[in-house]
Amino acid sequence: MKQINEELLWETKVSALRSVQDGIVLLKQSIKTLESKIDGKGIEGDYSVNHDCLKYSQKIWGGCLRLRELKKLELELKGLDQFGLPKKQLATEEE
């Protein structure tokens, strides 16, 4: 069962990473388009309050958040804390 968890976790992390990469490509294209508009039309251009840069930035942020949560899950499954160090056992006996 541990092997299934590791494989599923790996596949999920790869999917999240691809999503971030896709968002970066789309954001770069959107920025390039916006730069061209600024260079060509300046303040006379018609600019959108719902520009795609926001959507793509949020997609990237969400993917990064997902990758961090998956890393925390991976560490938890390995018995490590959030820094990758072995978890300290809580004392169950009074000294």
PDB file of N, CA and C in Angstrom:
ATOM      1  N   MET A   1       0.822  -1.196   0.000  1.00  0.00           N
ATOM      2  CA  MET A   1       0.000   0.000   0.000  1.00  0.00           C
ATOM      3  C   MET A   1       0.868   1.264   0.000  1.00  0.00           C
ATOM      4  N   LYS A   2       2.015   1.210   0.698  1.00  0.00           N
ATOM      5  CA  LYS A   2       2.910   2.355   0.729  1.00  0.00           C
ATOM      6  C   LYS A   2       3.375   2.710  -0.682  1.00  0.00           C
ATOM      7  N   GLN A   3       3.661   1.706  -1.519  1.00  0.00           N
ATOM      8  CA  GLN A   3       4.105   1.940  -2.893  1.00  0.00           C
ATOM      9  C   GLN A   3       3.023   2.671  -3.685  1.00  0.00           C
ATOM     10  N   ILE A   4       1.779   2.284  -3.490  1.00  0.00           N
ATOM     11  CA  ILE A   4       0.670   2.946  -4.184  1.00  0.00           C
ATOM     12  C   ILE A   4       0.597   4.411  -3.755  1.00  0.00           C
ATOM     13  N   ASN A   5       0.742   4.676  -2.469  1.00  0.00           N
ATOM     14  CA  ASN A   5       0.701   6.056  -1.980  1.00  0.00           C
ATOM     15  C   ASN A   5       1.823   6.894  -2.581  1.00  0.00           C
ATOM     16  N   GLU A   6       3.024   6.338  -2.639  1.00  0.00           N
ATOM     17  CA  GLU A   6       4.165   7.068  -3.193  1.00  0.00           C
ATOM     18  C   GLU A   6       3.973   7.333  -4.682  1.00  0.00           C
ATOM     19  N   GLU A   7       3.475   6.341  -5.410  1.00  0.00           N
ATOM     20  CA  GLU A   7       3.253   6.516  -6.846  1.00  0.00           C
ATOM     21  C   GLU A   7       2.154   7.546  -7.109  1.00  0.00           C
ATOM     22  N   LEU A   8       1.078   7.449  -6.385  1.00  0.00           N
ATOM     23  CA  LEU A   8      -0.021   8.407  -6.536  1.00  0.00           C
ATOM     24  C   LEU A   8       0.442   9.815  -6.174  1.00  0.00           C
ATOM     25  N   LEU A   9       1.203   9.935  -5.107  1.00  0.00           N
ATOM     26  CA  LEU A   9       1.721  11.231  -4.691  1.00  0.00           C
ATOM     27  C   LEU A   9       2.634  11.810  -5.765  1.00  0.00           C
ATOM     28  N   TRP A  10       3.512  10.984  -6.318  1.00  0.00           N
ATOM     29  CA  TRP A  10       4.424  11.430  -7.372  1.00  0.00           C
ATOM     30  C   TRP A  10       3.640  11.915  -8.592  1.00  0.00           C
ATOM     31  N   GLU A  11       2.651  11.147  -9.022  1.00  0.00           N
ATOM     32  CA  GLU A  11       1.843  11.535 -10.185  1.00  0.00           C
ATOM     33  C   GLU A  11       1.100  12.850  -9.939  1.00  0.00           C
ATOM     34  N   THR A  12       0.605  13.018  -8.735  1.00  0.00           N
ATOM     35  CA  THR A  12      -0.118  14.239  -8.391  1.00  0.00           C
ATOM     36  C   THR A  12       0.821  15.441  -8.381  1.00  0.00           C
ATOM     37  N   LYS A  13       2.030  15.246  -7.854  1.00  0.00           N
ATOM     38  CA  LYS A  13       3.019  16.327  -7.848  1.00  0.00           C
ATOM     39  C   LYS A  13       3.427  16.706  -9.270  1.00  0.00           C
ATOM     40  N   VAL A  14       3.610  15.726 -10.133  1.00  0.00           N
ATOM     41  CA  VAL A  14       3.965  16.004 -11.528  1.00  0.00           C
ATOM     42  C   VAL A  14       2.849  16.785 -12.208  1.00  0.00           C
ATOM     43  N   SER A  15       1.614  16.408 -11.953  1.00  0.00           N
ATOM     44  CA  SER A  15       0.469  17.109 -12.532  1.00  0.00           C
ATOM     45  C   SER A  15       0.425  18.562 -12.059  1.00  0.00           C
ATOM     46  N   ALA A  16       0.652  18.776 -10.777  1.00  0.00           N
ATOM     47  CA  ALA A  16       0.643  20.139 -10.233  1.00  0.00           C
ATOM     48  C   ALA A  16       1.786  20.966 -10.822  1.00  0.00           C
ATOM     49  N   LEU A  17       2.944  20.344 -10.969  1.00  0.00           N
ATOM     50  CA  LEU A  17       4.087  21.050 -11.554  1.00  0.00           C
ATOM     51  C   LEU A  17       3.807  21.447 -13.000  1.00  0.00           C
ATOM     52  N   ARG A  18       3.192  20.552 -13.751  1.00  0.00           N
ATOM     53  CA  ARG A  18       2.829  20.870 -15.139  1.00  0.00           C
ATOM     54  C   ARG A  18       1.843  22.028 -15.200  1.00  0.00           C
ATOM     55  N   SER A  19       0.937  22.063 -14.262  1.00  0.00           N
ATOM     56  CA  SER A  19      -0.025  23.152 -14.208  1.00  0.00           C
ATOM     57  C   SER A  19       0.680  24.485 -13.971  1.00  0.00           C
ATOM     58  N   VAL A  20       1.662  24.492 -13.076  1.00  0.00           N
ATOM     59  CA  VAL A  20       2.440  25.707 -12.824  1.00  0.00           C
ATOM     60  C   VAL A  20       3.209  26.099 -14.083  1.00  0.00           C
ATOM     61  N   GLN A  21       3.822  25.127 -14.721  1.00  0.00           N
ATOM     62  CA  GLN A  21       4.578  25.410 -15.954  1.00  0.00           C
ATOM     63  C   GLN A  21       3.668  25.974 -17.044  1.00  0.00           C
ATOM     64  N   ASP A  22       2.491  25.391 -17.198  1.00  0.00           N
ATOM     65  CA  ASP A  22       1.530  25.891 -18.186  1.00  0.00           C
ATOM     66  C   ASP A  22       1.124  27.326 -17.866  1.00  0.00           C
ATOM     67  N   GLY A  23       0.884  27.593 -16.586  1.00  0.00           N
ATOM     68  CA  GLY A  23       0.509  28.935 -16.170  1.00  0.00           C
ATOM     69  C   GLY A  23       1.611  29.947 -16.465  1.00  0.00           C
ATOM     70  N   ILE A  24       2.858  29.538 -16.272  1.00  0.00           N
ATOM     71  CA  ILE A  24       3.989  30.427 -16.556  1.00  0.00           C
ATOM     72  C   ILE A  24       4.044  30.769 -18.040  1.00  0.00           C
ATOM     73  N   VAL A  25       3.863  29.767 -18.883  1.00  0.00           N
ATOM     74  CA  VAL A  25       3.878  30.001 -20.332  1.00  0.00           C
ATOM     75  C   VAL A  25       2.758  30.966 -20.715  1.00  0.00           C
ATOM     76  N   LEU A  26       1.557  30.719 -20.201  1.00  0.00           N
ATOM     77  CA  LEU A  26       0.416  31.582 -20.517  1.00  0.00           C
ATOM     78  C   LEU A  26       0.616  33.002 -19.991  1.00  0.00           C
ATOM     79  N   LEU A  27       1.187  33.123 -18.792  1.00  0.00           N
ATOM     80  CA  LEU A  27       1.436  34.442 -18.225  1.00  0.00           C
ATOM     81  C   LEU A  27       2.456  35.206 -19.065  1.00  0.00           C
ATOM     82  N   LYS A  28       3.508  34.524 -19.489  1.00  0.00           N
ATOM     83  CA  LYS A  28       4.516  35.178 -20.333  1.00  0.00           C
ATOM     84  C   LYS A  28       3.892  35.677 -21.642  1.00  0.00           C
ATOM     85  N   GLN A  29       3.029  34.861 -22.244  1.00  0.00           N
ATOM     86  CA  GLN A  29       2.359  35.275 -23.484  1.00  0.00           C
ATOM     87  C   GLN A  29       1.456  36.479 -23.238  1.00  0.00           C
ATOM     88  N   SER A  30       0.746  36.451 -22.133  1.00  0.00           N
ATOM     89  CA  SER A  30      -0.164  37.537 -21.798  1.00  0.00           C
ATOM     90  C   SER A  30       0.603  38.830 -21.543  1.00  0.00           C
ATOM     91  N   ILE A  31       1.726  38.713 -20.853  1.00  0.00           N
ATOM     92  CA  ILE A  31       2.565  39.888 -20.591  1.00  0.00           C
ATOM     93  C   ILE A  31       3.113  40.448 -21.900  1.00  0.00           C
ATOM     94  N   LYS A  32       3.535  39.557 -22.777  1.00  0.00           N
ATOM     95  CA  LYS A  32       4.074  39.993 -24.073  1.00  0.00           C
ATOM     96  C   LYS A  32       3.005  40.760 -24.867  1.00  0.00           C
ATOM     97  N   THR A  33       1.788  40.243 -24.868  1.00  0.00           N
ATOM     98  CA  THR A  33       0.682  40.907 -25.557  1.00  0.00           C
ATOM     99  C   THR A  33       0.406  42.274 -24.936  1.00  0.00           C
ATOM    100  N   LEU A  34       0.412  42.328 -23.621  1.00  0.00           N
ATOM    101  CA  LEU A  34       0.162  43.589 -22.924  1.00  0.00           C
ATOM    102  C   LEU A  34       1.278  44.598 -23.200  1.00  0.00           C
ATOM    103  N   GLU A  35       2.520  44.134 -23.198  1.00  0.00           N
ATOM    104  CA  GLU A  35       3.638  45.024 -23.506  1.00  0.00           C
ATOM    105  C   GLU A  35       3.524  45.600 -24.917  1.00  0.00           C
ATOM    106  N   SER A  36       3.126  44.751 -25.859  1.00  0.00           N
ATOM    107  CA  SER A  36       2.948  45.221 -27.240  1.00  0.00           C
ATOM    108  C   SER A  36       1.862  46.288 -27.311  1.00  0.00           C
ATOM    109  N   LYS A  37       0.779  46.069 -26.585  1.00  0.00           N
ATOM    110  CA  LYS A  37      -0.317  47.042 -26.567  1.00  0.00           C
ATOM    111  C   LYS A  37       0.160  48.357 -25.963  1.00  0.00           C
ATOM    112  N   ILE A  38       0.900  48.283 -24.883  1.00  0.00           N
ATOM    113  CA  ILE A  38       1.417  49.483 -24.228  1.00  0.00           C
ATOM    114  C   ILE A  38       2.363  50.234 -25.169  1.00  0.00           C
ATOM    115  N   ASP A  39       3.262  49.474 -25.814  1.00  0.00           N
ATOM    116  CA  ASP A  39       4.207  50.098 -26.751  1.00  0.00           C
ATOM    117  C   ASP A  39       3.494  50.723 -27.944  1.00  0.00           C
ATOM    118  N   GLY A  40       2.448  50.073 -28.420  1.00  0.00           N
ATOM    119  CA  GLY A  40       1.750  50.553 -29.613  1.00  0.00           C
ATOM    120  C   GLY A  40       0.716  51.628 -29.357  1.00  0.00           C
ATOM    121  N   LYS A  41      -0.017  51.512 -28.241  1.00  0.00           N
ATOM    122  CA  LYS A  41      -1.130  52.434 -28.003  1.00  0.00           C
ATOM    123  C   LYS A  41      -0.947  53.335 -26.792  1.00  0.00           C
ATOM    124  N   GLY A  42      -0.035  52.966 -25.911  1.00  0.00           N
ATOM    125  CA  GLY A  42       0.201  53.796 -24.721  1.00  0.00           C
ATOM    126  C   GLY A  42      -1.058  54.012 -23.917  1.00  0.00           C
ATOM    127  N   ILE A  43      -1.260  55.273 -23.499  1.00  0.00           N
ATOM    128  CA  ILE A  43      -2.429  55.574 -22.668  1.00  0.00           C
ATOM    129  C   ILE A  43      -3.726  55.628 -23.468  1.00  0.00           C
ATOM    130  N   GLU A  44      -3.622  55.584 -24.765  1.00  0.00           N
ATOM    131  CA  GLU A  44      -4.812  55.610 -25.625  1.00  0.00           C
ATOM    132  C   GLU A  44      -5.438  54.224 -25.787  1.00  0.00           C
ATOM    133  N   GLY A  45      -4.744  53.191 -25.323  1.00  0.00           N
ATOM    134  CA  GLY A  45      -5.239  51.827 -25.474  1.00  0.00           C
ATOM    135  C   GLY A  45      -6.447  51.544 -24.600  1.00  0.00           C
ATOM    136  N   ASP A  46      -7.181  50.522 -24.959  1.00  0.00           N
ATOM    137  CA  ASP A  46      -8.348  50.077 -24.197  1.00  0.00           C
ATOM    138  C   ASP A  46      -7.903  48.889 -23.351  1.00  0.00           C
ATOM    139  N   TYR A  47      -7.726  49.103 -22.056  1.00  0.00           N
ATOM    140  CA  TYR A  47      -7.197  48.075 -21.160  1.00  0.00           C
ATOM    141  C   TYR A  47      -8.311  47.445 -20.332  1.00  0.00           C
ATOM    142  N   SER A  48      -8.173  46.165 -20.104  1.00  0.00           N
ATOM    143  CA  SER A  48      -9.203  45.410 -19.391  1.00  0.00           C
ATOM    144  C   SER A  48      -8.919  45.344 -17.895  1.00  0.00           C
ATOM    145  N   VAL A  49      -9.978  45.511 -17.099  1.00  0.00           N
ATOM    146  CA  VAL A  49      -9.828  45.344 -15.652  1.00  0.00           C
ATOM    147  C   VAL A  49      -9.746  43.858 -15.295  1.00  0.00           C
ATOM    148  N   ASN A  50     -10.106  43.008 -16.214  1.00  0.00           N
ATOM    149  CA  ASN A  50     -10.051  41.562 -16.012  1.00  0.00           C
ATOM    150  C   ASN A  50      -8.979  40.939 -16.901  1.00  0.00           C
ATOM    151  N   HIS A  51      -7.841  41.573 -16.941  1.00  0.00           N
ATOM    152  CA  HIS A  51      -6.775  41.100 -17.817  1.00  0.00           C
ATOM    153  C   HIS A  51      -6.355  39.679 -17.436  1.00  0.00           C
ATOM    154  N   ASP A  52      -5.947  38.909 -18.438  1.00  0.00           N
ATOM    155  CA  ASP A  52      -5.569  37.511 -18.236  1.00  0.00           C
ATOM    156  C   ASP A  52      -4.362  37.336 -17.313  1.00  0.00           C
ATOM    157  N   CYS A  53      -3.562  38.363 -17.134  1.00  0.00           N
ATOM    158  CA  CYS A  53      -2.397  38.247 -16.241  1.00  0.00           C
ATOM    159  C   CYS A  53      -2.826  37.825 -14.831  1.00  0.00           C
ATOM    160  N   LEU A  54      -3.928  38.356 -14.367  1.00  0.00           N
ATOM    161  CA  LEU A  54      -4.420  37.993 -13.037  1.00  0.00           C
ATOM    162  C   LEU A  54      -4.796  36.522 -12.989  1.00  0.00           C
ATOM    163  N   LYS A  55      -5.533  36.063 -13.969  1.00  0.00           N
ATOM    164  CA  LYS A  55      -5.976  34.664 -14.007  1.00  0.00           C
ATOM    165  C   LYS A  55      -4.776  33.718 -14.010  1.00  0.00           C
ATOM    166  N   TYR A  56      -3.792  34.014 -14.841  1.00  0.00           N
ATOM    167  CA  TYR A  56      -2.633  33.128 -14.941  1.00  0.00           C
ATOM    168  C   TYR A  56      -1.761  33.191 -13.692  1.00  0.00           C
ATOM    169  N   SER A  57      -1.652  34.364 -13.095  1.00  0.00           N
ATOM    170  CA  SER A  57      -0.891  34.494 -11.844  1.00  0.00           C
ATOM    171  C   SER A  57      -1.547  33.679 -10.732  1.00  0.00           C
ATOM    172  N   GLN A  58      -2.866  33.724 -10.676  1.00  0.00           N
ATOM    173  CA  GLN A  58      -3.585  32.945  -9.672  1.00  0.00           C
ATOM    174  C   GLN A  58      -3.431  31.453  -9.918  1.00  0.00           C
ATOM    175  N   LYS A  59      -3.401  31.041 -11.183  1.00  0.00           N
ATOM    176  CA  LYS A  59      -3.196  29.633 -11.514  1.00  0.00           C
ATOM    177  C   LYS A  59      -1.818  29.180 -11.029  1.00  0.00           C
ATOM    178  N   ILE A  60      -0.814  30.010 -11.245  1.00  0.00           N
ATOM    179  CA  ILE A  60       0.539  29.681 -10.798  1.00  0.00           C
ATOM    180  C   ILE A  60       0.590  29.606  -9.277  1.00  0.00           C
ATOM    181  N   TRP A  61       0.002  30.596  -8.607  1.00  0.00           N
ATOM    182  CA  TRP A  61      -0.013  30.608  -7.148  1.00  0.00           C
ATOM    183  C   TRP A  61      -0.711  29.362  -6.593  1.00  0.00           C
ATOM    184  N   GLY A  62      -1.848  29.017  -7.192  1.00  0.00           N
ATOM    185  CA  GLY A  62      -2.580  27.836  -6.741  1.00  0.00           C
ATOM    186  C   GLY A  62      -1.784  26.559  -6.933  1.00  0.00           C
ATOM    187  N   GLY A  63      -1.079  26.461  -8.040  1.00  0.00           N
ATOM    188  CA  GLY A  63      -0.240  25.293  -8.288  1.00  0.00           C
ATOM    189  C   GLY A  63       0.907  25.194  -7.303  1.00  0.00           C
ATOM    190  N   CYS A  64       1.502  26.338  -6.975  1.00  0.00           N
ATOM    191  CA  CYS A  64       2.590  26.349  -5.992  1.00  0.00           C
ATOM    192  C   CYS A  64       2.077  25.954  -4.612  1.00  0.00           C
ATOM    193  N   LEU A  65       0.905  26.443  -4.260  1.00  0.00           N
ATOM    194  CA  LEU A  65       0.291  26.061  -2.987  1.00  0.00           C
ATOM    195  C   LEU A  65       0.051  24.552  -2.952  1.00  0.00           C
ATOM    196  N   ARG A  66      -0.466  24.014  -4.034  1.00  0.00           N
ATOM    197  CA  ARG A  66      -0.721  22.563  -4.114  1.00  0.00           C
ATOM    198  C   ARG A  66       0.579  21.778  -3.981  1.00  0.00           C
ATOM    199  N   LEU A  67       1.626  22.235  -4.644  1.00  0.00           N
ATOM    200  CA  LEU A  67       2.915  21.542  -4.537  1.00  0.00           C
ATOM    201  C   LEU A  67       3.433  21.557  -3.104  1.00  0.00           C
ATOM    202  N   ARG A  68       3.262  22.671  -2.406  1.00  0.00           N
ATOM    203  CA  ARG A  68       3.708  22.744  -1.007  1.00  0.00           C
ATOM    204  C   ARG A  68       2.902  21.793  -0.129  1.00  0.00           C
ATOM    205  N   GLU A  69       1.594  21.752  -0.333  1.00  0.00           N
ATOM    206  CA  GLU A  69       0.754  20.854   0.461  1.00  0.00           C
ATOM    207  C   GLU A  69       1.103  19.388   0.182  1.00  0.00           C
ATOM    208  N   LEU A  70       1.398  19.079  -1.062  1.00  0.00           N
ATOM    209  CA  LEU A  70       1.795  17.712  -1.407  1.00  0.00           C
ATOM    210  C   LEU A  70       3.143  17.359  -0.782  1.00  0.00           C
ATOM    211  N   LYS A  71       4.040  18.329  -0.702  1.00  0.00           N
ATOM    212  CA  LYS A  71       5.336  18.098  -0.056  1.00  0.00           C
ATOM    213  C   LYS A  71       5.137  17.821   1.426  1.00  0.00           C
ATOM    214  N   LYS A  72       4.246  18.589   2.060  1.00  0.00           N
ATOM    215  CA  LYS A  72       3.945  18.358   3.470  1.00  0.00           C
ATOM    216  C   LYS A  72       3.369  16.968   3.678  1.00  0.00           C
ATOM    217  N   LEU A  73       2.490  16.537   2.778  1.00  0.00           N
ATOM    218  CA  LEU A  73       1.921  15.195   2.856  1.00  0.00           C
ATOM    219  C   LEU A  73       3.009  14.140   2.706  1.00  0.00           C
ATOM    220  N   GLU A  74       3.897  14.338   1.745  1.00  0.00           N
ATOM    221  CA  GLU A  74       4.998  13.408   1.536  1.00  0.00           C
ATOM    222  C   GLU A  74       5.866  13.285   2.792  1.00  0.00           C
ATOM    223  N   LEU A  75       6.188  14.414   3.399  1.00  0.00           N
ATOM    224  CA  LEU A  75       6.990  14.387   4.621  1.00  0.00           C
ATOM    225  C   LEU A  75       6.250  13.687   5.754  1.00  0.00           C
ATOM    226  N   GLU A  76       4.965  13.949   5.845  1.00  0.00           N
ATOM    227  CA  GLU A  76       4.138  13.301   6.874  1.00  0.00           C
ATOM    228  C   GLU A  76       4.141  11.781   6.704  1.00  0.00           C
ATOM    229  N   LEU A  77       4.003  11.330   5.459  1.00  0.00           N
ATOM    230  CA  LEU A  77       4.019   9.882   5.197  1.00  0.00           C
ATOM    231  C   LEU A  77       5.365   9.251   5.533  1.00  0.00           C
ATOM    232  N   LYS A  78       6.419  10.046   5.442  1.00  0.00           N
ATOM    233  CA  LYS A  78       7.766   9.554   5.769  1.00  0.00           C
ATOM    234  C   LYS A  78       8.098   9.714   7.249  1.00  0.00           C
ATOM    235  N   GLY A  79       7.165  10.277   8.018  1.00  0.00           N
ATOM    236  CA  GLY A  79       7.390  10.464   9.446  1.00  0.00           C
ATOM    237  C   GLY A  79       8.304  11.633   9.755  1.00  0.00           C
ATOM    238  N   LEU A  80       8.346  12.610   8.866  1.00  0.00           N
ATOM    239  CA  LEU A  80       9.208  13.775   9.049  1.00  0.00           C
ATOM    240  C   LEU A  80       8.373  15.011   9.323  1.00  0.00           C
ATOM    241  N   ASP A  81       9.000  16.009   9.940  1.00  0.00           N
ATOM    242  CA  ASP A  81       8.286  17.265  10.187  1.00  0.00           C
ATOM    243  C   ASP A  81       8.321  18.129   8.932  1.00  0.00           C
ATOM    244  N   GLN A  82       7.788  19.334   9.025  1.00  0.00           N
ATOM    245  CA  GLN A  82       7.674  20.209   7.846  1.00  0.00           C
ATOM    246  C   GLN A  82       9.013  20.659   7.287  1.00  0.00           C
ATOM    247  N   PHE A  83      10.089  20.459   8.066  1.00  0.00           N
ATOM    248  CA  PHE A  83      11.423  20.838   7.614  1.00  0.00           C
ATOM    249  C   PHE A  83      12.225  19.639   7.101  1.00  0.00           C
ATOM    250  N   GLY A  84      11.589  18.463   7.091  1.00  0.00           N
ATOM    251  CA  GLY A  84      12.262  17.260   6.622  1.00  0.00           C
ATOM    252  C   GLY A  84      13.096  16.567   7.685  1.00  0.00           C
ATOM    253  N   LEU A  85      12.886  16.962   8.936  1.00  0.00           N
ATOM    254  CA  LEU A  85      13.621  16.353  10.048  1.00  0.00           C
ATOM    255  C   LEU A  85      12.738  15.324  10.740  1.00  0.00           C
ATOM    256  N   PRO A  86      13.355  14.314  11.353  1.00  0.00           N
ATOM    257  CA  PRO A  86      12.542  13.315  12.074  1.00  0.00           C
ATOM    258  C   PRO A  86      11.697  13.993  13.152  1.00  0.00           C
ATOM    259  N   LYS A  87      10.458  13.556  13.248  1.00  0.00           N
ATOM    260  CA  LYS A  87       9.571  14.121  14.263  1.00  0.00           C
ATOM    261  C   LYS A  87      10.050  13.686  15.641  1.00  0.00           C
ATOM    262  N   LYS A  88       9.965  14.604  16.578  1.00  0.00           N
ATOM    263  CA  LYS A  88      10.314  14.280  17.959  1.00  0.00           C
ATOM    264  C   LYS A  88       9.131  13.555  18.589  1.00  0.00           C
ATOM    265  N   GLN A  89       9.436  12.495  19.279  1.00  0.00           N
ATOM    266  CA  GLN A  89       8.385  11.741  19.960  1.00  0.00           C
ATOM    267  C   GLN A  89       8.002  12.470  21.236  1.00  0.00           C
ATOM    268  N   LEU A  90       6.709  12.611  21.462  1.00  0.00           N
ATOM    269  CA  LEU A  90       6.250  13.240  22.685  1.00  0.00           C
ATOM    270  C   LEU A  90       6.411  12.262  23.834  1.00  0.00           C
ATOM    271  N   ALA A  91       6.879  12.744  24.935  1.00  0.00           N
ATOM    272  CA  ALA A  91       7.061  11.890  26.122  1.00  0.00           C
ATOM    273  C   ALA A  91       5.685  11.513  26.664  1.00  0.00           C
ATOM    274  N   THR A  92       5.437  10.222  26.790  1.00  0.00           N
ATOM    275  CA  THR A  92       4.144   9.777  27.306  1.00  0.00           C
ATOM    276  C   THR A  92       4.241   9.446  28.783  1.00  0.00           C
ATOM    277  N   GLU A  93       5.453   9.344  29.271  1.00  0.00           N
ATOM    278  CA  GLU A  93       5.641   9.044  30.702  1.00  0.00           C
ATOM    279  C   GLU A  93       6.118  10.304  31.406  1.00  0.00           C
ATOM    280  N   GLU A  94       5.651  10.457  32.636  1.00  0.00           N
ATOM    281  CA  GLU A  94       6.125  11.592  33.423  1.00  0.00           C
ATOM    282  C   GLU A  94       7.480  11.259  33.982  1.00  0.00           C
ATOM    283  N   GLU A  95       8.365  12.222  33.984  1.00  0.00           N
ATOM    284  CA  GLU A  95       9.724  11.984  34.488  1.00  0.00           C
ATOM    285  C   GLU A  95       9.843  12.478  35.883  1.00  0.00           C
TER     286      GLU A  95
END
